[in-house]
Amino acid sequence: MTAGESARGALVRLRRVTGDRRHRRRLAELGFVPGAMMSVLGRGVYGGLVLALGDGRVAVDARTAATLVVEPADG
């Protein structure tokens, strides 16, 4: 499942980031690393998300959300 498919309010764990190396590196700089816990705070009209990641909040567009492969935090 991807972050873009996650329900609002869901607590998820990042498994991996897909895409080219430059894209993965930039997201890693923002804290999107395997094992990171995040929560979906909001969803935009065009599929963008606002994610709680650590102590911060990050907005990503729908294309980026689709590259974040996640799993439920409890499993």
PDB file of N, CA and C in Angstrom:
ATOM      1  N   MET A   1       0.850  -1.159   0.000  1.00  0.00           N
ATOM      2  CA  MET A   1       0.000   0.000   0.000  1.00  0.00           C
ATOM      3  C   MET A   1       0.905   1.235   0.000  1.00  0.00           C
ATOM      4  N   THR A   2       0.422   2.320  -0.590  1.00  0.00           N
ATOM      5  CA  THR A   2       1.185   3.566  -0.611  1.00  0.00           C
ATOM      6  C   THR A   2       0.562   4.580   0.343  1.00  0.00           C
ATOM      7  N   ALA A   3       1.315   5.616   0.644  1.00  0.00           N
ATOM      8  CA  ALA A   3       0.785   6.670   1.521  1.00  0.00           C
ATOM      9  C   ALA A   3      -0.454   7.298   0.898  1.00  0.00           C
ATOM     10  N   GLY A   4      -0.479   7.409  -0.424  1.00  0.00           N
ATOM     11  CA  GLY A   4      -1.626   7.979  -1.104  1.00  0.00           C
ATOM     12  C   GLY A   4      -2.893   7.160  -0.938  1.00  0.00           C
ATOM     13  N   GLU A   5      -2.763   5.886  -0.645  1.00  0.00           N
ATOM     14  CA  GLU A   5      -3.911   5.000  -0.439  1.00  0.00           C
ATOM     15  C   GLU A   5      -4.330   4.911   1.024  1.00  0.00           C
ATOM     16  N   SER A   6      -3.565   5.520   1.897  1.00  0.00           N
ATOM     17  CA  SER A   6      -3.844   5.466   3.335  1.00  0.00           C
ATOM     18  C   SER A   6      -4.997   6.392   3.705  1.00  0.00           C
ATOM     19  N   ALA A   7      -5.757   5.976   4.688  1.00  0.00           N
ATOM     20  CA  ALA A   7      -6.890   6.778   5.160  1.00  0.00           C
ATOM     21  C   ALA A   7      -6.406   7.934   6.021  1.00  0.00           C
ATOM     22  N   ARG A   8      -7.195   8.978   6.051  1.00  0.00           N
ATOM     23  CA  ARG A   8      -6.886  10.110   6.917  1.00  0.00           C
ATOM     24  C   ARG A   8      -6.894   9.634   8.373  1.00  0.00           C
ATOM     25  N   GLY A   9      -5.899  10.032   9.125  1.00  0.00           N
ATOM     26  CA  GLY A   9      -5.775   9.625  10.517  1.00  0.00           C
ATOM     27  C   GLY A   9      -4.991   8.337  10.705  1.00  0.00           C
ATOM     28  N   ALA A  10      -4.661   7.655   9.616  1.00  0.00           N
ATOM     29  CA  ALA A  10      -3.940   6.383   9.713  1.00  0.00           C
ATOM     30  C   ALA A  10      -2.504   6.602  10.188  1.00  0.00           C
ATOM     31  N   LEU A  11      -2.036   5.730  11.069  1.00  0.00           N
ATOM     32  CA  LEU A  11      -0.646   5.717  11.504  1.00  0.00           C
ATOM     33  C   LEU A  11       0.040   4.601  10.731  1.00  0.00           C
ATOM     34  N   VAL A  12       1.076   4.952   9.967  1.00  0.00           N
ATOM     35  CA  VAL A  12       1.744   3.988   9.103  1.00  0.00           C
ATOM     36  C   VAL A  12       3.250   4.056   9.298  1.00  0.00           C
ATOM     37  N   ARG A  13       3.920   2.981   8.882  1.00  0.00           N
ATOM     38  CA  ARG A  13       5.383   2.893   8.926  1.00  0.00           C
ATOM     39  C   ARG A  13       5.876   2.829   7.480  1.00  0.00           C
ATOM     40  N   LEU A  14       6.863   3.640   7.173  1.00  0.00           N
ATOM     41  CA  LEU A  14       7.422   3.660   5.824  1.00  0.00           C
ATOM     42  C   LEU A  14       8.275   2.420   5.598  1.00  0.00           C
ATOM     43  N   ARG A  15       7.969   1.687   4.549  1.00  0.00           N
ATOM     44  CA  ARG A  15       8.763   0.491   4.199  1.00  0.00           C
ATOM     45  C   ARG A  15       9.881   0.849   3.241  1.00  0.00           C
ATOM     46  N   ARG A  16       9.529   1.633   2.193  1.00  0.00           N
ATOM     47  CA  ARG A  16      10.540   2.046   1.222  1.00  0.00           C
ATOM     48  C   ARG A  16      10.010   3.190   0.380  1.00  0.00           C
ATOM     49  N   VAL A  17      10.927   3.830  -0.309  1.00  0.00           N
ATOM     50  CA  VAL A  17      10.578   4.904  -1.233  1.00  0.00           C
ATOM     51  C   VAL A  17      10.994   4.449  -2.622  1.00  0.00           C
ATOM     52  N   THR A  18      10.065   4.518  -3.563  1.00  0.00           N
ATOM     53  CA  THR A  18      10.389   4.146  -4.943  1.00  0.00           C
ATOM     54  C   THR A  18      10.760   5.403  -5.721  1.00  0.00           C
ATOM     55  N   GLY A  19      11.210   5.231  -6.931  1.00  0.00           N
ATOM     56  CA  GLY A  19      11.592   6.371  -7.765  1.00  0.00           C
ATOM     57  C   GLY A  19      13.087   6.373  -7.994  1.00  0.00           C
ATOM     58  N   ASP A  20      13.545   7.385  -8.703  1.00  0.00           N
ATOM     59  CA  ASP A  20      14.974   7.443  -9.009  1.00  0.00           C
ATOM     60  C   ASP A  20      15.785   7.848  -7.774  1.00  0.00           C
ATOM     61  N   ARG A  21      17.083   7.707  -7.891  1.00  0.00           N
ATOM     62  CA  ARG A  21      17.975   7.939  -6.749  1.00  0.00           C
ATOM     63  C   ARG A  21      17.887   9.366  -6.226  1.00  0.00           C
ATOM     64  N   ARG A  22      17.803  10.323  -7.124  1.00  0.00           N
ATOM     65  CA  ARG A  22      17.715  11.724  -6.704  1.00  0.00           C
ATOM     66  C   ARG A  22      16.451  11.982  -5.888  1.00  0.00           C
ATOM     67  N   HIS A  23      15.336  11.428  -6.325  1.00  0.00           N
ATOM     68  CA  HIS A  23      14.054  11.559  -5.618  1.00  0.00           C
ATOM     69  C   HIS A  23      14.139  10.912  -4.232  1.00  0.00           C
ATOM     70  N   ARG A  24      14.677   9.701  -4.161  1.00  0.00           N
ATOM     71  CA  ARG A  24      14.799   8.995  -2.885  1.00  0.00           C
ATOM     72  C   ARG A  24      15.706   9.749  -1.920  1.00  0.00           C
ATOM     73  N   ARG A  25      16.810  10.293  -2.438  1.00  0.00           N
ATOM     74  CA  ARG A  25      17.744  11.028  -1.585  1.00  0.00           C
ATOM     75  C   ARG A  25      17.084  12.288  -1.015  1.00  0.00           C
ATOM     76  N   ARG A  26      16.349  13.023  -1.840  1.00  0.00           N
ATOM     77  CA  ARG A  26      15.685  14.241  -1.362  1.00  0.00           C
ATOM     78  C   ARG A  26      14.661  13.926  -0.285  1.00  0.00           C
ATOM     79  N   LEU A  27      13.893  12.859  -0.476  1.00  0.00           N
ATOM     80  CA  LEU A  27      12.911  12.478   0.539  1.00  0.00           C
ATOM     81  C   LEU A  27      13.601  12.005   1.820  1.00  0.00           C
ATOM     82  N   ALA A  28      14.726  11.323   1.685  1.00  0.00           N
ATOM     83  CA  ALA A  28      15.479  10.900   2.880  1.00  0.00           C
ATOM     84  C   ALA A  28      15.960  12.120   3.661  1.00  0.00           C
ATOM     85  N   GLU A  29      16.361  13.181   2.967  1.00  0.00           N
ATOM     86  CA  GLU A  29      16.784  14.410   3.640  1.00  0.00           C
ATOM     87  C   GLU A  29      15.645  15.030   4.447  1.00  0.00           C
ATOM     88  N   LEU A  30      14.412  14.795   4.016  1.00  0.00           N
ATOM     89  CA  LEU A  30      13.245  15.315   4.723  1.00  0.00           C
ATOM     90  C   LEU A  30      12.779  14.393   5.853  1.00  0.00           C
ATOM     91  N   GLY A  31      13.399  13.210   5.962  1.00  0.00           N
ATOM     92  CA  GLY A  31      13.042  12.288   7.032  1.00  0.00           C
ATOM     93  C   GLY A  31      12.282  11.061   6.590  1.00  0.00           C
ATOM     94  N   PHE A  32      12.055  10.923   5.286  1.00  0.00           N
ATOM     95  CA  PHE A  32      11.345   9.755   4.767  1.00  0.00           C
ATOM     96  C   PHE A  32      12.340   8.609   4.574  1.00  0.00           C
ATOM     97  N   VAL A  33      12.622   7.905   5.664  1.00  0.00           N
ATOM     98  CA  VAL A  33      13.554   6.788   5.654  1.00  0.00           C
ATOM     99  C   VAL A  33      12.814   5.531   6.106  1.00  0.00           C
ATOM    100  N   PRO A  34      13.228   4.356   5.646  1.00  0.00           N
ATOM    101  CA  PRO A  34      12.549   3.132   6.067  1.00  0.00           C
ATOM    102  C   PRO A  34      12.456   3.030   7.581  1.00  0.00           C
ATOM    103  N   GLY A  35      11.267   2.673   8.055  1.00  0.00           N
ATOM    104  CA  GLY A  35      11.020   2.547   9.477  1.00  0.00           C
ATOM    105  C   GLY A  35      10.405   3.788  10.100  1.00  0.00           C
ATOM    106  N   ALA A  36      10.417   4.898   9.381  1.00  0.00           N
ATOM    107  CA  ALA A  36       9.847   6.147   9.913  1.00  0.00           C
ATOM    108  C   ALA A  36       8.338   5.993  10.096  1.00  0.00           C
ATOM    109  N   MET A  37       7.855   6.477  11.231  1.00  0.00           N
ATOM    110  CA  MET A  37       6.421   6.458  11.511  1.00  0.00           C
ATOM    111  C   MET A  37       5.826   7.774  11.048  1.00  0.00           C
ATOM    112  N   MET A  38       4.674   7.709  10.416  1.00  0.00           N
ATOM    113  CA  MET A  38       3.996   8.930   9.993  1.00  0.00           C
ATOM    114  C   MET A  38       2.499   8.748  10.074  1.00  0.00           C
ATOM    115  N   SER A  39       1.823   9.871  10.143  1.00  0.00           N
ATOM    116  CA  SER A  39       0.377   9.884  10.249  1.00  0.00           C
ATOM    117  C   SER A  39      -0.181  10.787   9.157  1.00  0.00           C
ATOM    118  N   VAL A  40      -1.263  10.364   8.536  1.00  0.00           N
ATOM    119  CA  VAL A  40      -1.910  11.156   7.496  1.00  0.00           C
ATOM    120  C   VAL A  40      -2.827  12.169   8.186  1.00  0.00           C
ATOM    121  N   LEU A  41      -2.469  13.448   8.102  1.00  0.00           N
ATOM    122  CA  LEU A  41      -3.241  14.493   8.762  1.00  0.00           C
ATOM    123  C   LEU A  41      -4.339  15.058   7.871  1.00  0.00           C
ATOM    124  N   GLY A  42      -4.076  15.117   6.593  1.00  0.00           N
ATOM    125  CA  GLY A  42      -5.060  15.696   5.686  1.00  0.00           C
ATOM    126  C   GLY A  42      -4.824  15.262   4.259  1.00  0.00           C
ATOM    127  N   ARG A  43      -5.852  15.432   3.456  1.00  0.00           N
ATOM    128  CA  ARG A  43      -5.797  15.031   2.055  1.00  0.00           C
ATOM    129  C   ARG A  43      -6.315  16.192   1.213  1.00  0.00           C
ATOM    130  N   GLY A  44      -5.592  16.536   0.167  1.00  0.00           N
ATOM    131  CA  GLY A  44      -5.992  17.613  -0.729  1.00  0.00           C
ATOM    132  C   GLY A  44      -6.955  17.134  -1.799  1.00  0.00           C
ATOM    133  N   VAL A  45      -7.521  18.071  -2.500  1.00  0.00           N
ATOM    134  CA  VAL A  45      -8.494  17.771  -3.550  1.00  0.00           C
ATOM    135  C   VAL A  45      -7.880  16.923  -4.660  1.00  0.00           C
ATOM    136  N   TYR A  46      -6.620  17.177  -4.991  1.00  0.00           N
ATOM    137  CA  TYR A  46      -5.968  16.464  -6.091  1.00  0.00           C
ATOM    138  C   TYR A  46      -5.066  15.327  -5.620  1.00  0.00           C
ATOM    139  N   GLY A  47      -5.242  14.856  -4.399  1.00  0.00           N
ATOM    140  CA  GLY A  47      -4.521  13.694  -3.915  1.00  0.00           C
ATOM    141  C   GLY A  47      -3.286  13.976  -3.093  1.00  0.00           C
ATOM    142  N   GLY A  48      -2.940  15.227  -2.904  1.00  0.00           N
ATOM    143  CA  GLY A  48      -1.797  15.566  -2.058  1.00  0.00           C
ATOM    144  C   GLY A  48      -2.113  15.234  -0.607  1.00  0.00           C
ATOM    145  N   LEU A  49      -1.072  15.087   0.191  1.00  0.00           N
ATOM    146  CA  LEU A  49      -1.249  14.733   1.597  1.00  0.00           C
ATOM    147  C   LEU A  49      -0.471  15.685   2.498  1.00  0.00           C
ATOM    148  N   VAL A  50      -0.976  15.864   3.695  1.00  0.00           N
ATOM    149  CA  VAL A  50      -0.211  16.487   4.771  1.00  0.00           C
ATOM    150  C   VAL A  50       0.096  15.359   5.741  1.00  0.00           C
ATOM    151  N   LEU A  51       1.379  15.134   5.978  1.00  0.00           N
ATOM    152  CA  LEU A  51       1.828  14.028   6.819  1.00  0.00           C
ATOM    153  C   LEU A  51       2.536  14.555   8.061  1.00  0.00           C
ATOM    154  N   ALA A  52       2.265  13.924   9.189  1.00  0.00           N
ATOM    155  CA  ALA A  52       3.044  14.177  10.400  1.00  0.00           C
ATOM    156  C   ALA A  52       4.200  13.197  10.360  1.00  0.00           C
ATOM    157  N   LEU A  53       5.398  13.739  10.396  1.00  0.00           N
ATOM    158  CA  LEU A  53       6.600  12.919  10.312  1.00  0.00           C
ATOM    159  C   LEU A  53       7.543  13.398  11.397  1.00  0.00           C
ATOM    160  N   GLY A  54       7.689  12.608  12.440  1.00  0.00           N
ATOM    161  CA  GLY A  54       8.474  13.061  13.582  1.00  0.00           C
ATOM    162  C   GLY A  54       7.783  14.243  14.238  1.00  0.00           C
ATOM    163  N   ASP A  55       8.531  15.305  14.493  1.00  0.00           N
ATOM    164  CA  ASP A  55       7.974  16.519  15.090  1.00  0.00           C
ATOM    165  C   ASP A  55       7.469  17.501  14.046  1.00  0.00           C
ATOM    166  N   GLY A  56       7.625  17.168  12.772  1.00  0.00           N
ATOM    167  CA  GLY A  56       7.265  18.100  11.714  1.00  0.00           C
ATOM    168  C   GLY A  56       6.039  17.688  10.928  1.00  0.00           C
ATOM    169  N   ARG A  57       5.634  18.586  10.063  1.00  0.00           N
ATOM    170  CA  ARG A  57       4.530  18.351   9.146  1.00  0.00           C
ATOM    171  C   ARG A  57       5.063  18.575   7.742  1.00  0.00           C
ATOM    172  N   VAL A  58       4.756  17.651   6.838  1.00  0.00           N
ATOM    173  CA  VAL A  58       5.259  17.731   5.473  1.00  0.00           C
ATOM    174  C   VAL A  58       4.088  17.552   4.517  1.00  0.00           C
ATOM    175  N   ALA A  59       3.992  18.432   3.533  1.00  0.00           N
ATOM    176  CA  ALA A  59       2.984  18.294   2.488  1.00  0.00           C
ATOM    177  C   ALA A  59       3.652  17.690   1.258  1.00  0.00           C
ATOM    178  N   VAL A  60       3.027  16.680   0.688  1.00  0.00           N
ATOM    179  CA  VAL A  60       3.537  16.044  -0.529  1.00  0.00           C
ATOM    180  C   VAL A  60       2.428  15.994  -1.561  1.00  0.00           C
ATOM    181  N   ASP A  61       2.805  16.047  -2.831  1.00  0.00           N
ATOM    182  CA  ASP A  61       1.811  15.949  -3.886  1.00  0.00           C
ATOM    183  C   ASP A  61       1.432  14.485  -4.104  1.00  0.00           C
ATOM    184  N   ALA A  62       0.423  14.258  -4.930  1.00  0.00           N
ATOM    185  CA  ALA A  62      -0.088  12.901  -5.156  1.00  0.00           C
ATOM    186  C   ALA A  62       0.975  11.987  -5.754  1.00  0.00           C
ATOM    187  N   ARG A  63       1.788  12.501  -6.653  1.00  0.00           N
ATOM    188  CA  ARG A  63       2.824  11.683  -7.294  1.00  0.00           C
ATOM    189  C   ARG A  63       3.854  11.209  -6.262  1.00  0.00           C
ATOM    190  N   THR A  64       4.251  12.104  -5.373  1.00  0.00           N
ATOM    191  CA  THR A  64       5.208  11.741  -4.322  1.00  0.00           C
ATOM    192  C   THR A  64       4.575  10.765  -3.341  1.00  0.00           C
ATOM    193  N   ALA A  65       3.314  10.997  -2.965  1.00  0.00           N
ATOM    194  CA  ALA A  65       2.618  10.095  -2.043  1.00  0.00           C
ATOM    195  C   ALA A  65       2.570   8.675  -2.597  1.00  0.00           C
ATOM    196  N   ALA A  66       2.482   8.548  -3.921  1.00  0.00           N
ATOM    197  CA  ALA A  66       2.419   7.229  -4.545  1.00  0.00           C
ATOM    198  C   ALA A  66       3.760   6.504  -4.497  1.00  0.00           C
ATOM    199  N   THR A  67       4.846   7.214  -4.224  1.00  0.00           N
ATOM    200  CA  THR A  67       6.168   6.570  -4.148  1.00  0.00           C
ATOM    201  C   THR A  67       6.521   6.120  -2.735  1.00  0.00           C
ATOM    202  N   LEU A  68       5.679   6.462  -1.761  1.00  0.00           N
ATOM    203  CA  LEU A  68       5.928   6.095  -0.364  1.00  0.00           C
ATOM    204  C   LEU A  68       5.192   4.804  -0.033  1.00  0.00           C
ATOM    205  N   VAL A  69       5.910   3.698  -0.030  1.00  0.00           N
ATOM    206  CA  VAL A  69       5.317   2.383   0.266  1.00  0.00           C
ATOM    207  C   VAL A  69       5.281   2.225   1.779  1.00  0.00           C
ATOM    208  N   VAL A  70       4.089   2.012   2.311  1.00  0.00           N
ATOM    209  CA  VAL A  70       3.885   1.984   3.758  1.00  0.00           C
ATOM    210  C   VAL A  70       3.156   0.704   4.188  1.00  0.00           C
ATOM    211  N   GLU A  71       3.162   0.469   5.491  1.00  0.00           N
ATOM    212  CA  GLU A  71       2.400  -0.618   6.094  1.00  0.00           C
ATOM    213  C   GLU A  71       1.754  -0.082   7.356  1.00  0.00           C
ATOM    214  N   PRO A  72       0.660  -0.682   7.798  1.00  0.00           N
ATOM    215  CA  PRO A  72       0.050  -0.227   9.060  1.00  0.00           C
ATOM    216  C   PRO A  72       1.069  -0.304  10.192  1.00  0.00           C
ATOM    217  N   ALA A  73       1.031   0.658  11.077  1.00  0.00           N
ATOM    218  CA  ALA A  73       2.011   0.730  12.155  1.00  0.00           C
ATOM    219  C   ALA A  73       1.911  -0.458  13.117  1.00  0.00           C
ATOM    220  N   ASP A  74       0.739  -1.050  13.240  1.00  0.00           N
ATOM    221  CA  ASP A  74       0.575  -2.169  14.169  1.00  0.00           C
ATOM    222  C   ASP A  74       0.962  -3.511  13.565  1.00  0.00           C
ATOM    223  N   GLY A  75       1.330  -3.543  12.305  1.00  0.00           N
ATOM    224  CA  GLY A  75       1.652  -4.829  11.699  1.00  0.00           C
ATOM    225  C   GLY A  75       2.731  -4.680  10.755  1.00  0.00           C
TER     226      GLY A  75
END
